[in-house]
Amino acid sequence: MTALPQRDVQRLERLFDQQMWAFGRDATRAQGNLLALRGFTRTPPPSGRDVSGTYRLEERGLGVELSSVGVRGCVGGREVFLDRDPMAKQVPRLDGVALSALLAWFADYEGWVQAAVGPAWRAASLEARSRPPAFPAAQMQGLWRALAEQVEGGSRR
């Protein structure tokens, strides 16, 4: 079980929503799919279903599965699934170890995006959204890292 102060739950919710948008933009990037470049494999959606395909990656002991429905992270037999439901409903039920690992992976991924295609890509991705970003693109990596560390610290208690 994971406990976060309400302001951090709200930050997690807004950052996750923004990250989901970013993953979608990365997958449809005209110059090449960044998820594929990172090493994800894609499984097409089931026939007749109005959902995206699923992207899967195994990296340093963490399994990551992305789709339009949400993100699943599996590490050491522990699992967490984040979806677009309000985080206040989800967070108390989540495994802190798996959540911390997934949030740290988000931070690593954002750092990789900056290194692979430059910081302008993420900023442009967020600017293409119909509403303003909750957080500047340049802050995403640090925000994910801070949330991961906070959850990790709470999981050790």
Protein backbone atom coordinates (compact mmCIF):
# COMPACT_ATOMS: atom_id res chain seq x y z
CA MET A 1 0.00 0.00 0.00
CA THR A 2 1.19 3.47 -0.87
CA ALA A 3 0.54 6.66 1.03
CA LEU A 4 1.20 10.09 -0.43
CA PRO A 5 0.05 13.51 0.74
CA GLN A 6 -2.95 14.78 -1.22
CA ARG A 7 -0.93 17.46 -3.04
CA ASP A 8 1.49 14.77 -4.30
CA VAL A 9 -1.38 12.54 -5.38
CA GLN A 10 -2.71 15.47 -7.43
CA ARG A 11 0.77 16.10 -8.86
CA LEU A 12 1.05 12.41 -9.77
CA GLU A 13 -2.36 12.47 -11.45
CA ARG A 14 -1.58 15.56 -13.55
CA LEU A 15 1.91 14.37 -14.43
CA PHE A 16 0.65 10.91 -15.40
CA ASP A 17 -2.03 12.43 -17.64
CA GLN A 18 0.63 14.54 -19.29
CA GLN A 19 2.95 11.53 -19.64
CA MET A 20 0.23 9.50 -21.34
CA TRP A 21 -0.15 12.29 -23.89
CA ALA A 22 3.63 12.32 -24.35
CA PHE A 23 3.77 8.55 -24.94
CA GLY A 24 1.08 8.90 -27.60
CA ARG A 25 3.04 11.65 -29.35
CA ASP A 26 6.24 9.62 -29.10
CA ALA A 27 4.54 6.62 -30.75
CA THR A 28 3.23 8.71 -33.64
CA ARG A 29 6.32 10.87 -34.20
CA ALA A 30 6.69 11.52 -37.94
CA GLN A 31 10.47 11.04 -37.86
CA GLY A 32 10.13 7.62 -36.21
CA ASN A 33 8.36 5.99 -33.29
CA LEU A 34 10.35 6.75 -30.14
CA LEU A 35 8.85 3.78 -28.28
CA ALA A 36 10.14 1.43 -30.99
CA LEU A 37 13.50 3.19 -30.94
CA ARG A 38 13.69 2.62 -27.18
CA GLY A 39 13.14 -1.12 -27.75
CA PHE A 40 9.42 -1.57 -27.14
CA THR A 41 7.62 -4.23 -29.13
CA ARG A 42 4.06 -3.55 -30.24
CA THR A 43 1.14 -5.94 -30.21
CA PRO A 44 -1.78 -4.74 -32.35
CA PRO A 45 -5.17 -4.23 -30.69
CA PRO A 46 -7.66 -7.08 -30.78
CA SER A 47 -9.75 -7.10 -33.95
CA GLY A 48 -12.86 -4.97 -33.66
CA ARG A 49 -11.76 -3.23 -30.45
CA ASP A 50 -11.42 0.55 -30.31
CA VAL A 51 -8.21 0.61 -28.25
CA SER A 52 -4.57 1.14 -29.07
CA GLY A 53 -2.02 -1.57 -29.47
CA THR A 54 0.12 -2.53 -26.50
CA TYR A 55 3.79 -1.67 -26.24
CA ARG A 56 6.00 -3.92 -24.09
CA LEU A 57 9.56 -3.53 -22.83
CA GLU A 58 11.71 -5.43 -20.37
CA GLU A 59 14.47 -3.22 -19.00
CA ARG A 60 16.77 -3.77 -15.99
CA GLY A 61 14.33 -6.12 -14.28
CA LEU A 62 11.27 -3.94 -14.88
CA GLY A 63 8.55 -4.98 -17.30
CA VAL A 64 6.66 -2.01 -18.75
CA GLU A 65 3.44 -2.30 -20.71
CA LEU A 66 1.87 0.81 -22.29
CA SER A 67 -1.49 1.19 -23.97
CA SER A 68 -4.19 3.83 -24.29
CA VAL A 69 -5.77 2.28 -21.19
CA GLY A 70 -2.78 2.83 -18.89
CA VAL A 71 0.67 1.66 -17.86
CA ARG A 72 1.62 -1.56 -16.08
CA GLY A 73 4.94 -2.06 -14.32
CA CYS A 74 6.20 -5.41 -13.00
CA VAL A 75 9.32 -5.84 -10.90
CA GLY A 76 10.41 -8.73 -8.71
CA GLY A 77 6.98 -10.38 -8.75
CA ARG A 78 5.28 -7.11 -7.80
CA GLU A 79 2.92 -5.30 -10.12
CA VAL A 80 1.29 -1.92 -10.43
CA PHE A 81 -1.19 -0.62 -12.98
CA LEU A 82 -1.88 3.08 -13.45
CA ASP A 83 -4.93 4.08 -15.43
CA ARG A 84 -6.79 7.28 -16.05
CA ASP A 85 -9.03 6.90 -13.01
CA PRO A 86 -8.43 9.50 -10.32
CA MET A 87 -5.16 8.74 -8.54
CA ALA A 88 -6.78 9.25 -5.14
CA LYS A 89 -8.69 6.00 -5.79
CA GLN A 90 -5.66 4.12 -7.09
CA VAL A 91 -2.71 5.16 -4.93
CA PRO A 92 -3.77 3.58 -1.61
CA ARG A 93 -4.09 0.16 -3.30
CA LEU A 94 -0.79 0.28 -5.18
CA ASP A 95 2.34 -1.67 -4.33
CA GLY A 96 4.92 0.94 -3.31
CA VAL A 97 7.95 -1.00 -4.56
CA ALA A 98 6.49 -1.50 -8.04
CA LEU A 99 5.15 2.06 -8.17
CA SER A 100 8.50 3.54 -7.21
CA ALA A 101 10.26 1.45 -9.88
CA LEU A 102 7.75 2.55 -12.53
CA LEU A 103 7.98 6.24 -11.62
CA ALA A 104 11.79 6.03 -11.70
CA TRP A 105 11.51 4.43 -15.14
CA PHE A 106 9.33 7.36 -16.30
CA ALA A 107 12.14 9.70 -15.17
CA ASP A 108 14.75 7.62 -17.02
CA TYR A 109 12.57 7.55 -20.13
CA GLU A 110 12.17 11.34 -20.14
CA GLY A 111 15.94 11.72 -19.81
CA TRP A 112 16.41 9.30 -22.69
CA VAL A 113 13.94 11.26 -24.87
CA GLN A 114 15.92 14.46 -24.26
CA ALA A 115 19.18 12.71 -25.15
CA ALA A 116 17.72 10.93 -28.20
CA VAL A 117 15.85 13.79 -29.88
CA GLY A 118 16.53 16.90 -27.81
CA PRO A 119 14.40 18.80 -25.30
CA ALA A 120 12.51 20.68 -28.03
CA TRP A 121 10.62 17.50 -28.96
CA ARG A 122 8.93 17.09 -25.59
CA ALA A 123 8.13 20.78 -25.34
CA ALA A 124 6.56 20.72 -28.83
CA SER A 125 4.66 17.54 -27.94
CA LEU A 126 3.08 19.21 -24.94
CA GLU A 127 2.33 22.41 -26.83
CA ALA A 128 0.31 20.38 -29.37
CA ARG A 129 -2.16 19.49 -26.64
CA SER A 130 -5.50 21.31 -26.50
CA ARG A 131 -4.86 22.41 -22.92
CA PRO A 132 -1.69 23.88 -21.47
CA PRO A 133 0.76 21.46 -19.87
CA ALA A 134 0.45 20.98 -16.12
CA PHE A 135 4.26 21.05 -15.90
CA PRO A 136 6.95 22.34 -18.25
CA ALA A 137 8.58 19.62 -20.34
CA ALA A 138 11.98 20.39 -18.84
CA GLN A 139 10.67 19.54 -15.35
CA MET A 140 9.09 16.17 -16.11
CA GLN A 141 12.19 14.06 -15.48
CA GLY A 142 12.90 15.70 -12.12
CA LEU A 143 9.27 15.50 -11.01
CA TRP A 144 9.10 11.79 -11.79
CA ARG A 145 12.38 11.20 -9.95
CA ALA A 146 11.17 13.10 -6.87
CA LEU A 147 7.87 11.19 -6.77
CA ALA A 148 9.70 7.87 -7.18
CA GLU A 149 12.01 8.69 -4.28
CA GLN A 150 9.11 9.80 -2.10
CA VAL A 151 7.18 6.58 -2.78
CA GLU A 152 10.33 4.50 -2.27
CA GLY A 153 10.96 6.18 1.09
CA GLY A 154 7.37 5.52 2.15
CA SER A 155 7.61 1.88 1.07
CA ARG A 156 10.51 1.27 3.45
CA ARG A 157 8.55 2.35 6.52
